[in-house]
Amino acid sequence: MTTQESTTFVIVGVTKDGRKFRPSDWAERLCGVMSAFGTERKMRYSPYVGPGDYNGDKAVFVDGRLGEIEPMAYRFMLNFAQDNDLQIIDGVCPLDGKK
């Protein structure tokens, strides 16, 4: 299923009213939902979702291609951010170097 709304974005671990989101490892936990075990028996993040920092704050980077490949997972990420009142910034996703 292709969706024209699938844009690349970053979820920043700061609420819209400026509070830091907790727990401190929220980004790794959220990305863990999208991870899988590889052949080397190590957990690997999805190539389309990854934790990182954005301007000094914890963040999750979401590649818009996830919306093309797995629309439900893409919506899950957006809903997580919206449900927790987190900042979403469109068009930012430095995952290319993390693959």
Protein backbone atom coordinates (compact mmCIF):
# COMPACT_ATOMS: atom_id res chain seq x y z
CA MET A 1 0.00 0.00 0.00
CA THR A 2 1.42 3.33 -1.04
CA THR A 3 0.60 6.49 0.84
CA GLN A 4 1.43 9.96 -0.43
CA GLU A 5 1.62 11.23 3.16
CA SER A 6 4.70 9.16 4.02
CA THR A 7 7.29 11.78 4.81
CA THR A 8 10.56 11.49 6.61
CA PHE A 9 10.45 12.91 10.13
CA VAL A 10 12.09 12.98 13.54
CA ILE A 11 10.35 12.52 16.87
CA VAL A 12 12.08 14.74 19.42
CA GLY A 13 12.00 13.72 23.09
CA VAL A 14 10.59 17.07 24.19
CA THR A 15 6.89 17.69 24.65
CA LYS A 16 5.22 20.58 22.90
CA ASP A 17 5.26 22.51 26.19
CA GLY A 18 9.04 22.00 26.54
CA ARG A 19 9.33 19.11 29.04
CA LYS A 20 11.83 16.28 28.45
CA PHE A 21 10.15 12.97 27.73
CA ARG A 22 10.85 10.10 30.14
CA PRO A 23 12.18 7.48 30.62
CA SER A 24 15.61 8.48 29.39
CA ASP A 25 15.89 5.40 27.14
CA TRP A 26 12.53 5.94 25.43
CA ALA A 27 14.10 6.29 21.96
CA GLU A 28 15.94 2.97 22.19
CA ARG A 29 12.80 1.26 23.51
CA LEU A 30 10.65 2.65 20.72
CA CYS A 31 13.18 1.60 18.08
CA GLY A 32 13.40 -1.82 19.74
CA VAL A 33 9.79 -2.39 18.72
CA MET A 34 10.97 -2.16 15.10
CA SER A 35 14.08 -4.30 15.51
CA ALA A 36 14.84 -7.91 14.63
CA PHE A 37 17.52 -10.48 15.31
CA GLY A 38 20.03 -10.85 12.49
CA THR A 39 21.93 -13.94 11.43
CA GLU A 40 24.75 -13.03 13.83
CA ARG A 41 22.23 -13.32 16.72
CA LYS A 42 22.36 -9.64 17.49
CA MET A 43 19.44 -7.27 17.72
CA ARG A 44 19.36 -4.84 14.80
CA TYR A 45 17.32 -1.71 14.42
CA SER A 46 15.19 -1.36 11.34
CA PRO A 47 16.95 0.47 8.50
CA TYR A 48 13.95 2.84 8.49
CA VAL A 49 13.83 3.76 12.20
CA GLY A 50 16.72 4.66 14.47
CA PRO A 51 17.50 6.41 17.74
CA GLY A 52 19.78 9.41 17.91
CA ASP A 53 20.11 12.99 19.07
CA TYR A 54 18.49 16.06 17.61
CA ASN A 55 19.90 19.37 18.84
CA GLY A 56 21.00 17.69 22.07
CA ASP A 57 17.71 15.90 22.76
CA LYS A 58 16.94 12.19 22.43
CA ALA A 59 15.14 11.49 19.18
CA VAL A 60 13.85 8.81 16.85
CA PHE A 61 14.46 9.25 13.13
CA VAL A 62 11.85 7.75 10.80
CA ASP A 63 12.53 7.29 7.10
CA GLY A 64 9.40 8.03 5.04
CA ARG A 65 9.93 4.85 3.04
CA LEU A 66 8.60 2.98 6.09
CA GLY A 67 5.14 4.28 5.13
CA GLU A 68 5.48 2.62 1.74
CA ILE A 69 6.74 -0.69 3.11
CA GLU A 70 4.79 -1.00 6.36
CA PRO A 71 2.04 1.62 6.71
CA MET A 72 0.87 0.31 10.09
CA ALA A 73 4.36 0.67 11.60
CA TYR A 74 4.64 4.16 10.14
CA ARG A 75 1.30 5.17 11.68
CA PHE A 76 2.36 3.59 14.99
CA MET A 77 5.39 5.89 15.13
CA LEU A 78 3.31 8.97 14.31
CA ASN A 79 0.63 7.99 16.82
CA PHE A 80 3.25 7.42 19.54
CA ALA A 81 4.54 10.96 19.07
CA GLN A 82 1.07 12.48 18.96
CA ASP A 83 -0.24 10.47 21.94
CA ASN A 84 2.72 11.61 24.05
CA ASP A 85 2.55 15.22 22.80
CA LEU A 86 6.10 15.01 21.39
CA GLN A 87 7.55 17.36 18.83
CA ILE A 88 7.61 16.07 15.25
CA ILE A 89 9.89 17.68 12.70
CA ASP A 90 9.29 16.79 9.04
CA GLY A 91 12.03 16.25 6.51
CA VAL A 92 14.84 15.25 8.89
CA CYS A 93 16.27 11.74 8.83
CA PRO A 94 20.04 11.08 8.88
CA LEU A 95 19.59 7.29 8.82
CA ASP A 96 21.61 6.82 5.63
CA GLY A 97 24.88 6.50 7.54
CA LYS A 98 23.38 4.10 10.09
CA LYS A 99 22.38 1.29 7.69
